[in-house]
Amino acid sequence: MVHMMHSAESCPLFNDETKKNLKELSSKREEIAQKHEIKILTAVVSPLEHLILYVVDAPSQKAVERYLGEVGFAFFNNIEIRQVEFMEDVLKTL
């Protein structure tokens, strides 16, 4: 799971430079994800909280880090990457 937060000043909704860079790079999100063997399971945004959440299936944390850098998210967000499991899978082990 990727938890990303940014300031209002760096938000693509309000910062023209961030918006331009993100638009250019994010148009290649699928291609970049495939390159790093990442499957995006879900991605949601809470605009008023400047919060972006991604759930991904990836071969490693390094692959996720490279993806986030290449797609542009690493340039304006504080990022936390956590290994998580589907609740259903955990419940099966009980």
PDB file of N, CA and C in Angstrom:
ATOM      1  N   MET A   1       0.848  -1.167   0.000  1.00  0.00           N
ATOM      2  CA  MET A   1       0.000   0.000   0.000  1.00  0.00           C
ATOM      3  C   MET A   1       0.894   1.230   0.000  1.00  0.00           C
ATOM      4  N   VAL A   2       0.543   2.190  -0.787  1.00  0.00           N
ATOM      5  CA  VAL A   2       1.309   3.431  -0.869  1.00  0.00           C
ATOM      6  C   VAL A   2       0.428   4.567  -0.363  1.00  0.00           C
ATOM      7  N   HIS A   3       0.943   5.265   0.632  1.00  0.00           N
ATOM      8  CA  HIS A   3       0.250   6.404   1.250  1.00  0.00           C
ATOM      9  C   HIS A   3       1.053   7.643   0.876  1.00  0.00           C
ATOM     10  N   MET A   4       0.444   8.549   0.125  1.00  0.00           N
ATOM     11  CA  MET A   4       1.149   9.758  -0.330  1.00  0.00           C
ATOM     12  C   MET A   4       0.380  10.998   0.110  1.00  0.00           C
ATOM     13  N   MET A   5       1.110  11.957   0.648  1.00  0.00           N
ATOM     14  CA  MET A   5       0.514  13.243   1.026  1.00  0.00           C
ATOM     15  C   MET A   5       1.412  14.365   0.529  1.00  0.00           C
ATOM     16  N   HIS A   6       0.783  15.470   0.186  1.00  0.00           N
ATOM     17  CA  HIS A   6       1.541  16.637  -0.262  1.00  0.00           C
ATOM     18  C   HIS A   6       0.914  17.902   0.318  1.00  0.00           C
ATOM     19  N   SER A   7       1.649  18.971   0.231  1.00  0.00           N
ATOM     20  CA  SER A   7       1.165  20.255   0.734  1.00  0.00           C
ATOM     21  C   SER A   7       0.206  20.891  -0.275  1.00  0.00           C
ATOM     22  N   ALA A   8      -0.565  21.833   0.198  1.00  0.00           N
ATOM     23  CA  ALA A   8      -1.461  22.573  -0.696  1.00  0.00           C
ATOM     24  C   ALA A   8      -0.646  23.322  -1.749  1.00  0.00           C
ATOM     25  N   GLU A   9       0.522  23.802  -1.344  1.00  0.00           N
ATOM     26  CA  GLU A   9       1.373  24.570  -2.269  1.00  0.00           C
ATOM     27  C   GLU A   9       1.904  23.720  -3.415  1.00  0.00           C
ATOM     28  N   SER A  10       2.125  22.429  -3.164  1.00  0.00           N
ATOM     29  CA  SER A  10       2.651  21.565  -4.223  1.00  0.00           C
ATOM     30  C   SER A  10       1.553  20.756  -4.916  1.00  0.00           C
ATOM     31  N   CYS A  11       0.312  20.947  -4.528  1.00  0.00           N
ATOM     32  CA  CYS A  11      -0.810  20.189  -5.072  1.00  0.00           C
ATOM     33  C   CYS A  11      -1.008  20.494  -6.563  1.00  0.00           C
ATOM     34  N   PRO A  12      -1.175  19.456  -7.380  1.00  0.00           N
ATOM     35  CA  PRO A  12      -1.414  19.685  -8.811  1.00  0.00           C
ATOM     36  C   PRO A  12      -2.668  20.509  -9.093  1.00  0.00           C
ATOM     37  N   LEU A  13      -3.605  20.540  -8.153  1.00  0.00           N
ATOM     38  CA  LEU A  13      -4.802  21.355  -8.349  1.00  0.00           C
ATOM     39  C   LEU A  13      -4.503  22.849  -8.282  1.00  0.00           C
ATOM     40  N   PHE A  14      -3.418  23.208  -7.580  1.00  0.00           N
ATOM     41  CA  PHE A  14      -3.114  24.626  -7.356  1.00  0.00           C
ATOM     42  C   PHE A  14      -1.746  25.052  -7.882  1.00  0.00           C
ATOM     43  N   ASN A  15      -0.870  24.095  -8.166  1.00  0.00           N
ATOM     44  CA  ASN A  15       0.490  24.406  -8.587  1.00  0.00           C
ATOM     45  C   ASN A  15       0.639  24.033 -10.060  1.00  0.00           C
ATOM     46  N   ASP A  16       0.793  25.038 -10.905  1.00  0.00           N
ATOM     47  CA  ASP A  16       0.839  24.811 -12.352  1.00  0.00           C
ATOM     48  C   ASP A  16       2.018  23.952 -12.786  1.00  0.00           C
ATOM     49  N   GLU A  17       3.176  24.132 -12.143  1.00  0.00           N
ATOM     50  CA  GLU A  17       4.354  23.338 -12.512  1.00  0.00           C
ATOM     51  C   GLU A  17       4.151  21.867 -12.155  1.00  0.00           C
ATOM     52  N   THR A  18       3.639  21.598 -10.964  1.00  0.00           N
ATOM     53  CA  THR A  18       3.362  20.222 -10.558  1.00  0.00           C
ATOM     54  C   THR A  18       2.315  19.608 -11.475  1.00  0.00           C
ATOM     55  N   LYS A  19       1.284  20.372 -11.810  1.00  0.00           N
ATOM     56  CA  LYS A  19       0.224  19.883 -12.700  1.00  0.00           C
ATOM     57  C   LYS A  19       0.796  19.493 -14.060  1.00  0.00           C
ATOM     58  N   LYS A  20       1.634  20.350 -14.619  1.00  0.00           N
ATOM     59  CA  LYS A  20       2.228  20.089 -15.928  1.00  0.00           C
ATOM     60  C   LYS A  20       3.077  18.818 -15.890  1.00  0.00           C
ATOM     61  N   ASN A  21       3.949  18.718 -14.890  1.00  0.00           N
ATOM     62  CA  ASN A  21       4.816  17.546 -14.780  1.00  0.00           C
ATOM     63  C   ASN A  21       4.013  16.268 -14.567  1.00  0.00           C
ATOM     64  N   LEU A  22       3.010  16.331 -13.706  1.00  0.00           N
ATOM     65  CA  LEU A  22       2.208  15.151 -13.418  1.00  0.00           C
ATOM     66  C   LEU A  22       1.416  14.706 -14.641  1.00  0.00           C
ATOM     67  N   LYS A  23       0.867  15.654 -15.390  1.00  0.00           N
ATOM     68  CA  LYS A  23       0.122  15.301 -16.602  1.00  0.00           C
ATOM     69  C   LYS A  23       1.014  14.602 -17.619  1.00  0.00           C
ATOM     70  N   GLU A  24       2.233  15.117 -17.795  1.00  0.00           N
ATOM     71  CA  GLU A  24       3.167  14.518 -18.753  1.00  0.00           C
ATOM     72  C   GLU A  24       3.531  13.100 -18.348  1.00  0.00           C
ATOM     73  N   LEU A  25       3.890  12.925 -17.086  1.00  0.00           N
ATOM     74  CA  LEU A  25       4.355  11.623 -16.622  1.00  0.00           C
ATOM     75  C   LEU A  25       3.213  10.634 -16.408  1.00  0.00           C
ATOM     76  N   SER A  26       2.087  11.116 -15.888  1.00  0.00           N
ATOM     77  CA  SER A  26       1.002  10.190 -15.564  1.00  0.00           C
ATOM     78  C   SER A  26       0.328   9.604 -16.802  1.00  0.00           C
ATOM     79  N   SER A  27       0.520  10.238 -17.947  1.00  0.00           N
ATOM     80  CA  SER A  27      -0.040   9.667 -19.177  1.00  0.00           C
ATOM     81  C   SER A  27       0.639   8.346 -19.524  1.00  0.00           C
ATOM     82  N   LYS A  28       1.775   8.083 -18.895  1.00  0.00           N
ATOM     83  CA  LYS A  28       2.535   6.855 -19.146  1.00  0.00           C
ATOM     84  C   LYS A  28       2.446   5.880 -17.971  1.00  0.00           C
ATOM     85  N   ARG A  29       1.476   6.094 -17.057  1.00  0.00           N
ATOM     86  CA  ARG A  29       1.378   5.267 -15.849  1.00  0.00           C
ATOM     87  C   ARG A  29       1.316   3.776 -16.132  1.00  0.00           C
ATOM     88  N   GLU A  30       0.446   3.375 -17.059  1.00  0.00           N
ATOM     89  CA  GLU A  30       0.292   1.944 -17.361  1.00  0.00           C
ATOM     90  C   GLU A  30       1.589   1.355 -17.913  1.00  0.00           C
ATOM     91  N   GLU A  31       2.189   2.066 -18.839  1.00  0.00           N
ATOM     92  CA  GLU A  31       3.441   1.621 -19.448  1.00  0.00           C
ATOM     93  C   GLU A  31       4.547   1.488 -18.391  1.00  0.00           C
ATOM     94  N   ILE A  32       4.640   2.467 -17.520  1.00  0.00           N
ATOM     95  CA  ILE A  32       5.665   2.447 -16.466  1.00  0.00           C
ATOM     96  C   ILE A  32       5.382   1.334 -15.463  1.00  0.00           C
ATOM     97  N   ALA A  33       4.119   1.120 -15.125  1.00  0.00           N
ATOM     98  CA  ALA A  33       3.755   0.042 -14.202  1.00  0.00           C
ATOM     99  C   ALA A  33       4.167  -1.313 -14.790  1.00  0.00           C
ATOM    100  N   GLN A  34       3.879  -1.529 -16.054  1.00  0.00           N
ATOM    101  CA  GLN A  34       4.265  -2.783 -16.697  1.00  0.00           C
ATOM    102  C   GLN A  34       5.773  -2.962 -16.700  1.00  0.00           C
ATOM    103  N   LYS A  35       6.483  -1.891 -16.959  1.00  0.00           N
ATOM    104  CA  LYS A  35       7.951  -1.931 -16.977  1.00  0.00           C
ATOM    105  C   LYS A  35       8.495  -2.420 -15.635  1.00  0.00           C
ATOM    106  N   HIS A  36       7.872  -2.020 -14.535  1.00  0.00           N
ATOM    107  CA  HIS A  36       8.338  -2.396 -13.192  1.00  0.00           C
ATOM    108  C   HIS A  36       7.570  -3.588 -12.614  1.00  0.00           C
ATOM    109  N   GLU A  37       6.757  -4.253 -13.467  1.00  0.00           N
ATOM    110  CA  GLU A  37       5.995  -5.441 -13.088  1.00  0.00           C
ATOM    111  C   GLU A  37       5.025  -5.155 -11.932  1.00  0.00           C
ATOM    112  N   ILE A  38       4.397  -3.987 -11.997  1.00  0.00           N
ATOM    113  CA  ILE A  38       3.465  -3.558 -10.960  1.00  0.00           C
ATOM    114  C   ILE A  38       2.047  -3.599 -11.504  1.00  0.00           C
ATOM    115  N   LYS A  39       1.160  -4.146 -10.702  1.00  0.00           N
ATOM    116  CA  LYS A  39      -0.262  -4.133 -11.033  1.00  0.00           C
ATOM    117  C   LYS A  39      -0.949  -3.194 -10.044  1.00  0.00           C
ATOM    118  N   ILE A  40      -1.579  -2.153 -10.550  1.00  0.00           N
ATOM    119  CA  ILE A  40      -2.307  -1.207  -9.705  1.00  0.00           C
ATOM    120  C   ILE A  40      -3.675  -1.833  -9.408  1.00  0.00           C
ATOM    121  N   LEU A  41      -3.916  -2.181  -8.137  1.00  0.00           N
ATOM    122  CA  LEU A  41      -5.181  -2.795  -7.754  1.00  0.00           C
ATOM    123  C   LEU A  41      -6.254  -1.749  -7.535  1.00  0.00           C
ATOM    124  N   THR A  42      -5.885  -0.635  -6.935  1.00  0.00           N
ATOM    125  CA  THR A  42      -6.806   0.499  -6.783  1.00  0.00           C
ATOM    126  C   THR A  42      -5.987   1.745  -6.488  1.00  0.00           C
ATOM    127  N   ALA A  43      -6.532   2.867  -6.873  1.00  0.00           N
ATOM    128  CA  ALA A  43      -5.909   4.165  -6.596  1.00  0.00           C
ATOM    129  C   ALA A  43      -7.028   5.153  -6.324  1.00  0.00           C
ATOM    130  N   VAL A  44      -6.943   5.819  -5.171  1.00  0.00           N
ATOM    131  CA  VAL A  44      -7.961   6.799  -4.803  1.00  0.00           C
ATOM    132  C   VAL A  44      -7.297   8.070  -4.308  1.00  0.00           C
ATOM    133  N   VAL A  45      -8.032   9.163  -4.401  1.00  0.00           N
ATOM    134  CA  VAL A  45      -7.525  10.474  -4.010  1.00  0.00           C
ATOM    135  C   VAL A  45      -8.557  11.161  -3.117  1.00  0.00           C
ATOM    136  N   SER A  46      -8.066  11.805  -2.074  1.00  0.00           N
ATOM    137  CA  SER A  46      -8.896  12.679  -1.254  1.00  0.00           C
ATOM    138  C   SER A  46      -8.356  14.098  -1.466  1.00  0.00           C
ATOM    139  N   PRO A  47      -8.892  14.823  -2.450  1.00  0.00           N
ATOM    140  CA  PRO A  47      -8.331  16.111  -2.846  1.00  0.00           C
ATOM    141  C   PRO A  47      -8.214  17.134  -1.716  1.00  0.00           C
ATOM    142  N   LEU A  48      -9.216  17.228  -0.863  1.00  0.00           N
ATOM    143  CA  LEU A  48      -9.169  18.237   0.194  1.00  0.00           C
ATOM    144  C   LEU A  48      -8.148  17.915   1.275  1.00  0.00           C
ATOM    145  N   GLU A  49      -7.770  16.645   1.394  1.00  0.00           N
ATOM    146  CA  GLU A  49      -6.749  16.250   2.366  1.00  0.00           C
ATOM    147  C   GLU A  49      -5.380  16.114   1.718  1.00  0.00           C
ATOM    148  N   HIS A  50      -5.304  16.303   0.395  1.00  0.00           N
ATOM    149  CA  HIS A  50      -4.053  16.172  -0.359  1.00  0.00           C
ATOM    150  C   HIS A  50      -3.448  14.788  -0.134  1.00  0.00           C
ATOM    151  N   LEU A  51      -4.300  13.774  -0.221  1.00  0.00           N
ATOM    152  CA  LEU A  51      -3.952  12.392   0.071  1.00  0.00           C
ATOM    153  C   LEU A  51      -4.202  11.517  -1.144  1.00  0.00           C
ATOM    154  N   ILE A  52      -3.229  10.663  -1.465  1.00  0.00           N
ATOM    155  CA  ILE A  52      -3.352   9.699  -2.558  1.00  0.00           C
ATOM    156  C   ILE A  52      -3.024   8.327  -1.970  1.00  0.00           C
ATOM    157  N   LEU A  53      -3.895   7.352  -2.217  1.00  0.00           N
ATOM    158  CA  LEU A  53      -3.674   5.989  -1.743  1.00  0.00           C
ATOM    159  C   LEU A  53      -3.655   5.037  -2.933  1.00  0.00           C
ATOM    160  N   TYR A  54      -2.625   4.237  -3.015  1.00  0.00           N
ATOM    161  CA  TYR A  54      -2.504   3.214  -4.050  1.00  0.00           C
ATOM    162  C   TYR A  54      -2.378   1.868  -3.354  1.00  0.00           C
ATOM    163  N   VAL A  55      -3.054   0.867  -3.886  1.00  0.00           N
ATOM    164  CA  VAL A  55      -2.824  -0.511  -3.479  1.00  0.00           C
ATOM    165  C   VAL A  55      -2.285  -1.207  -4.725  1.00  0.00           C
ATOM    166  N   VAL A  56      -1.108  -1.775  -4.583  1.00  0.00           N
ATOM    167  CA  VAL A  56      -0.435  -2.370  -5.737  1.00  0.00           C
ATOM    168  C   VAL A  56       0.021  -3.787  -5.431  1.00  0.00           C
ATOM    169  N   ASP A  57       0.173  -4.564  -6.474  1.00  0.00           N
ATOM    170  CA  ASP A  57       0.813  -5.868  -6.392  1.00  0.00           C
ATOM    171  C   ASP A  57       2.143  -5.678  -7.103  1.00  0.00           C
ATOM    172  N   ALA A  58       3.237  -5.876  -6.358  1.00  0.00           N
ATOM    173  CA  ALA A  58       4.557  -5.567  -6.910  1.00  0.00           C
ATOM    174  C   ALA A  58       5.576  -6.613  -6.470  1.00  0.00           C
ATOM    175  N   PRO A  59       6.621  -6.811  -7.263  1.00  0.00           N
ATOM    176  CA  PRO A  59       7.638  -7.796  -6.908  1.00  0.00           C
ATOM    177  C   PRO A  59       8.514  -7.380  -5.723  1.00  0.00           C
ATOM    178  N   SER A  60       8.604  -6.055  -5.473  1.00  0.00           N
ATOM    179  CA  SER A  60       9.456  -5.590  -4.379  1.00  0.00           C
ATOM    180  C   SER A  60       9.143  -4.130  -4.059  1.00  0.00           C
ATOM    181  N   GLN A  61       9.625  -3.698  -2.907  1.00  0.00           N
ATOM    182  CA  GLN A  61       9.474  -2.285  -2.546  1.00  0.00           C
ATOM    183  C   GLN A  61      10.286  -1.408  -3.489  1.00  0.00           C
ATOM    184  N   LYS A  62      11.454  -1.890  -3.885  1.00  0.00           N
ATOM    185  CA  LYS A  62      12.293  -1.119  -4.812  1.00  0.00           C
ATOM    186  C   LYS A  62      11.567  -0.858  -6.130  1.00  0.00           C
ATOM    187  N   ALA A  63      10.819  -1.850  -6.605  1.00  0.00           N
ATOM    188  CA  ALA A  63      10.055  -1.672  -7.851  1.00  0.00           C
ATOM    189  C   ALA A  63       9.012  -0.574  -7.669  1.00  0.00           C
ATOM    190  N   VAL A  64       8.371  -0.555  -6.506  1.00  0.00           N
ATOM    191  CA  VAL A  64       7.369   0.485  -6.222  1.00  0.00           C
ATOM    192  C   VAL A  64       8.052   1.846  -6.160  1.00  0.00           C
ATOM    193  N   GLU A  65       9.195   1.924  -5.502  1.00  0.00           N
ATOM    194  CA  GLU A  65       9.937   3.186  -5.415  1.00  0.00           C
ATOM    195  C   GLU A  65      10.325   3.694  -6.792  1.00  0.00           C
ATOM    196  N   ARG A  66      10.811   2.803  -7.641  1.00  0.00           N
ATOM    197  CA  ARG A  66      11.196   3.218  -9.000  1.00  0.00           C
ATOM    198  C   ARG A  66       9.971   3.695  -9.782  1.00  0.00           C
ATOM    199  N   TYR A  67       8.861   2.987  -9.649  1.00  0.00           N
ATOM    200  CA  TYR A  67       7.624   3.387 -10.325  1.00  0.00           C
ATOM    201  C   TYR A  67       7.194   4.788  -9.890  1.00  0.00           C
ATOM    202  N   LEU A  68       7.159   5.019  -8.566  1.00  0.00           N
ATOM    203  CA  LEU A  68       6.712   6.316  -8.048  1.00  0.00           C
ATOM    204  C   LEU A  68       7.615   7.457  -8.507  1.00  0.00           C
ATOM    205  N   GLY A  69       8.902   7.188  -8.594  1.00  0.00           N
ATOM    206  CA  GLY A  69       9.832   8.202  -9.091  1.00  0.00           C
ATOM    207  C   GLY A  69       9.619   8.483 -10.562  1.00  0.00           C
ATOM    208  N   GLU A  70       9.478   7.426 -11.331  1.00  0.00           N
ATOM    209  CA  GLU A  70       9.350   7.589 -12.779  1.00  0.00           C
ATOM    210  C   GLU A  70       8.019   8.195 -13.186  1.00  0.00           C
ATOM    211  N   VAL A  71       6.951   7.904 -12.429  1.00  0.00           N
ATOM    212  CA  VAL A  71       5.632   8.430 -12.783  1.00  0.00           C
ATOM    213  C   VAL A  71       5.432   9.844 -12.221  1.00  0.00           C
ATOM    214  N   GLY A  72       6.344  10.309 -11.370  1.00  0.00           N
ATOM    215  CA  GLY A  72       6.302  11.697 -10.909  1.00  0.00           C
ATOM    216  C   GLY A  72       5.763  11.922  -9.510  1.00  0.00           C
ATOM    217  N   PHE A  73       5.205  10.908  -8.869  1.00  0.00           N
ATOM    218  CA  PHE A  73       4.633  11.108  -7.541  1.00  0.00           C
ATOM    219  C   PHE A  73       5.692  11.428  -6.486  1.00  0.00           C
ATOM    220  N   ALA A  74       6.889  10.910  -6.652  1.00  0.00           N
ATOM    221  CA  ALA A  74       7.937  11.107  -5.651  1.00  0.00           C
ATOM    222  C   ALA A  74       8.429  12.552  -5.590  1.00  0.00           C
ATOM    223  N   PHE A  75       8.106  13.345  -6.593  1.00  0.00           N
ATOM    224  CA  PHE A  75       8.619  14.711  -6.643  1.00  0.00           C
ATOM    225  C   PHE A  75       7.830  15.701  -5.800  1.00  0.00           C
ATOM    226  N   PHE A  76       6.588  15.362  -5.435  1.00  0.00           N
ATOM    227  CA  PHE A  76       5.805  16.339  -4.675  1.00  0.00           C
ATOM    228  C   PHE A  76       5.047  15.736  -3.496  1.00  0.00           C
ATOM    229  N   ASN A  77       5.291  14.472  -3.195  1.00  0.00           N
ATOM    230  CA  ASN A  77       4.596  13.812  -2.089  1.00  0.00           C
ATOM    231  C   ASN A  77       5.564  13.300  -1.029  1.00  0.00           C
ATOM    232  N   ASN A  78       5.093  13.249   0.199  1.00  0.00           N
ATOM    233  CA  ASN A  78       5.729  12.458   1.239  1.00  0.00           C
ATOM    234  C   ASN A  78       5.117  11.077   1.106  1.00  0.00           C
ATOM    235  N   ILE A  79       5.952  10.050   1.021  1.00  0.00           N
ATOM    236  CA  ILE A  79       5.466   8.716   0.677  1.00  0.00           C
ATOM    237  C   ILE A  79       5.821   7.705   1.758  1.00  0.00           C
ATOM    238  N   GLU A  80       4.839   6.878   2.094  1.00  0.00           N
ATOM    239  CA  GLU A  80       5.050   5.724   2.958  1.00  0.00           C
ATOM    240  C   GLU A  80       4.598   4.500   2.183  1.00  0.00           C
ATOM    241  N   ILE A  81       5.445   3.476   2.170  1.00  0.00           N
ATOM    242  CA  ILE A  81       5.111   2.226   1.490  1.00  0.00           C
ATOM    243  C   ILE A  81       5.028   1.147   2.565  1.00  0.00           C
ATOM    244  N   ARG A  82       3.909   0.437   2.585  1.00  0.00           N
ATOM    245  CA  ARG A  82       3.704  -0.621   3.577  1.00  0.00           C
ATOM    246  C   ARG A  82       3.306  -1.914   2.871  1.00  0.00           C
ATOM    247  N   GLN A  83       3.853  -3.015   3.364  1.00  0.00           N
ATOM    248  CA  GLN A  83       3.423  -4.318   2.866  1.00  0.00           C
ATOM    249  C   GLN A  83       2.121  -4.663   3.568  1.00  0.00           C
ATOM    250  N   VAL A  84       1.102  -4.994   2.793  1.00  0.00           N
ATOM    251  CA  VAL A  84      -0.202  -5.354   3.341  1.00  0.00           C
ATOM    252  C   VAL A  84      -0.677  -6.644   2.678  1.00  0.00           C
ATOM    253  N   GLU A  85      -1.690  -7.255   3.290  1.00  0.00           N
ATOM    254  CA  GLU A  85      -2.295  -8.467   2.750  1.00  0.00           C
ATOM    255  C   GLU A  85      -3.799  -8.267   2.685  1.00  0.00           C
ATOM    256  N   PHE A  86      -4.447  -9.006   1.797  1.00  0.00           N
ATOM    257  CA  PHE A  86      -5.897  -8.956   1.733  1.00  0.00           C
ATOM    258  C   PHE A  86      -6.467  -9.569   3.011  1.00  0.00           C
ATOM    259  N   MET A  87      -7.468  -8.939   3.560  1.00  0.00           N
ATOM    260  CA  MET A  87      -8.094  -9.413   4.788  1.00  0.00           C
ATOM    261  C   MET A  87      -8.572 -10.857   4.644  1.00  0.00           C
ATOM    262  N   GLU A  88      -9.149 -11.179   3.485  1.00  0.00           N
ATOM    263  CA  GLU A  88      -9.656 -12.525   3.253  1.00  0.00           C
ATOM    264  C   GLU A  88      -8.547 -13.567   3.376  1.00  0.00           C
ATOM    265  N   ASP A  89      -7.355 -13.239   2.889  1.00  0.00           N
ATOM    266  CA  ASP A  89      -6.231 -14.173   2.980  1.00  0.00           C
ATOM    267  C   ASP A  89      -5.774 -14.371   4.416  1.00  0.00           C
ATOM    268  N   VAL A  90      -5.771 -13.307   5.187  1.00  0.00           N
ATOM    269  CA  VAL A  90      -5.380 -13.416   6.599  1.00  0.00           C
ATOM    270  C   VAL A  90      -6.399 -14.236   7.369  1.00  0.00           C
ATOM    271  N   LEU A  91      -7.679 -13.995   7.108  1.00  0.00           N
ATOM    272  CA  LEU A  91      -8.736 -14.731   7.808  1.00  0.00           C
ATOM    273  C   LEU A  91      -8.681 -16.233   7.526  1.00  0.00           C
ATOM    274  N   LYS A  92      -8.224 -16.611   6.360  1.00  0.00           N
ATOM    275  CA  LYS A  92      -8.102 -18.026   6.018  1.00  0.00           C
ATOM    276  C   LYS A  92      -7.060 -18.741   6.871  1.00  0.00           C
ATOM    277  N   THR A  93      -6.095 -17.997   7.389  1.00  0.00           N
ATOM    278  CA  THR A  93      -5.031 -18.603   8.189  1.00  0.00           C
ATOM    279  C   THR A  93      -5.411 -18.759   9.652  1.00  0.00           C
ATOM    280  N   LEU A  94      -6.562 -18.231  10.060  1.00  0.00           N
ATOM    281  CA  LEU A  94      -6.986 -18.308  11.473  1.00  0.00           C
ATOM    282  C   LEU A  94      -7.567 -19.656  11.811  1.00  0.00           C
TER     283      LEU A  94
END
